[in-house]
C-alpha cells in the first residue's frame, strides 16, 4: 500500500492522521479508496468532473502528477503520495 501524506487542513477528515496507507495502482484509485476510507475528503480534492482541483497539487514521490499521467499515474506499494494545497495570499 502506498503512503499518502495528509496536509494539516485535511487532517480533521482523517481522524487527525498525518499519514495513511491506502491500496491502489494509480493515483485515481488511491483517491477513490481514500474517499471510501475517509468520506468527504474526495470533495476537497476533486472537482465536479472528477479531476484534481486546480489549487491542489499531488506528488508521487517528488514528481507532480500533472507532469506525469495525471490521475492515471501508476503507484507502487512503496511510493509516497503527497497532497499539497496551494498557498494564497500576499501582495
Protein backbone atom coordinates (compact mmCIF):
# COMPACT_ATOMS: atom_id res chain seq x y z
CA UNK A 1 0.00 0.00 0.00
CA UNK A 2 1.18 3.49 -0.80
CA UNK A 3 1.52 6.08 1.95
CA UNK A 4 -0.45 9.29 1.49
CA UNK A 5 0.75 12.35 3.37
CA UNK A 6 -2.25 14.37 4.54
CA UNK A 7 -1.83 18.15 4.83
CA UNK A 8 -2.85 19.82 8.10
CA UNK A 9 -6.06 21.42 6.74
CA UNK A 10 -7.43 17.99 5.73
CA UNK A 11 -6.42 16.00 8.81
CA UNK A 12 -9.76 16.56 10.53
CA UNK A 13 -11.21 14.34 7.79
CA UNK A 14 -8.71 11.54 8.50
CA UNK A 15 -9.13 11.41 12.31
CA UNK A 16 -6.04 13.66 12.58
CA UNK A 17 -3.77 11.17 10.81
CA UNK A 18 -0.86 12.85 9.03
CA UNK A 19 -0.16 9.66 7.02
CA UNK A 20 -2.48 6.94 5.82
CA UNK A 21 -1.76 3.74 3.91
CA UNK A 22 -4.22 3.18 1.08
CA UNK A 23 -4.28 0.49 -1.63
CA UNK A 24 -4.42 1.38 -5.31
CA UNK A 25 -2.45 1.00 -8.52
CA UNK A 26 -2.97 4.57 -9.76
CA UNK A 27 -3.37 7.96 -8.13
CA UNK A 28 -7.05 7.93 -9.14
CA UNK A 29 -7.60 4.58 -7.42
CA UNK A 30 -5.78 5.83 -4.33
CA UNK A 31 -8.02 8.89 -4.14
CA UNK A 32 -11.17 6.78 -4.62
CA UNK A 33 -10.03 4.43 -1.85
CA UNK A 34 -9.08 7.40 0.34
CA UNK A 35 -12.62 8.75 -0.09
CA UNK A 36 -14.07 5.32 0.77
CA UNK A 37 -11.98 5.18 3.95
CA UNK A 38 -12.49 8.84 4.89
CA UNK A 39 -15.77 10.12 3.42
CA UNK A 40 -15.74 13.80 2.49
CA UNK A 41 -12.07 14.12 1.62
CA UNK A 42 -12.72 13.48 -2.08
CA UNK A 43 -14.81 16.62 -2.50
CA UNK A 44 -11.91 18.65 -1.10
CA UNK A 45 -9.52 17.23 -3.70
CA UNK A 46 -11.59 16.65 -6.85
CA UNK A 47 -13.84 18.94 -8.86
CA UNK A 48 -17.28 18.07 -10.23
CA UNK A 49 -15.68 16.38 -13.25
CA UNK A 50 -13.57 14.08 -11.08
CA UNK A 51 -10.34 15.94 -11.82
CA UNK A 52 -7.88 17.23 -9.23
CA UNK A 53 -8.86 20.77 -8.28
CA UNK A 54 -6.53 23.35 -9.79
CA UNK A 55 -5.31 24.58 -6.40
CA UNK A 56 -4.40 21.07 -5.20
CA UNK A 57 -1.05 19.56 -6.18
CA UNK A 58 -0.42 15.85 -5.82
CA UNK A 59 3.07 14.38 -5.93
CA UNK A 60 4.16 10.77 -6.29
CA UNK A 61 7.48 10.76 -4.52
CA UNK A 62 8.88 14.06 -5.86
CA UNK A 63 7.03 14.21 -9.20
CA UNK A 64 3.88 16.29 -9.65
CA UNK A 65 1.18 14.14 -11.27
CA UNK A 66 0.25 16.82 -13.82
CA UNK A 67 3.69 16.32 -15.38
CA UNK A 68 3.19 12.56 -15.37
CA UNK A 69 -0.07 10.81 -16.27
CA UNK A 70 -2.43 12.74 -14.01
CA UNK A 71 -4.85 10.51 -12.14
CA UNK A 72 -3.62 7.57 -14.23
CA UNK A 73 -0.11 7.90 -12.78
CA UNK A 74 0.95 4.43 -11.53
CA UNK A 75 1.68 4.00 -7.83
CA UNK A 76 3.81 1.27 -6.28
CA UNK A 77 3.42 -0.07 -2.76
CA UNK A 78 6.50 1.78 -1.50
CA UNK A 79 5.58 5.15 -3.06
CA UNK A 80 4.82 8.22 -1.03
CA UNK A 81 1.99 10.41 -2.29
CA UNK A 82 1.83 13.99 -1.04
CA UNK A 83 -1.26 16.19 -1.20
CA UNK A 84 -0.24 19.84 -1.24
CA UNK A 85 -2.87 22.58 -1.25
CA UNK A 86 -1.71 25.77 -2.95
CA UNK A 87 -0.91 28.71 -0.73
CA UNK A 88 -2.52 32.05 -1.36
CA UNK A 89 -2.01 35.50 -0.01
CA UNK A 90 0.50 38.26 -0.06
CA UNK A 91 0.58 41.31 -2.26
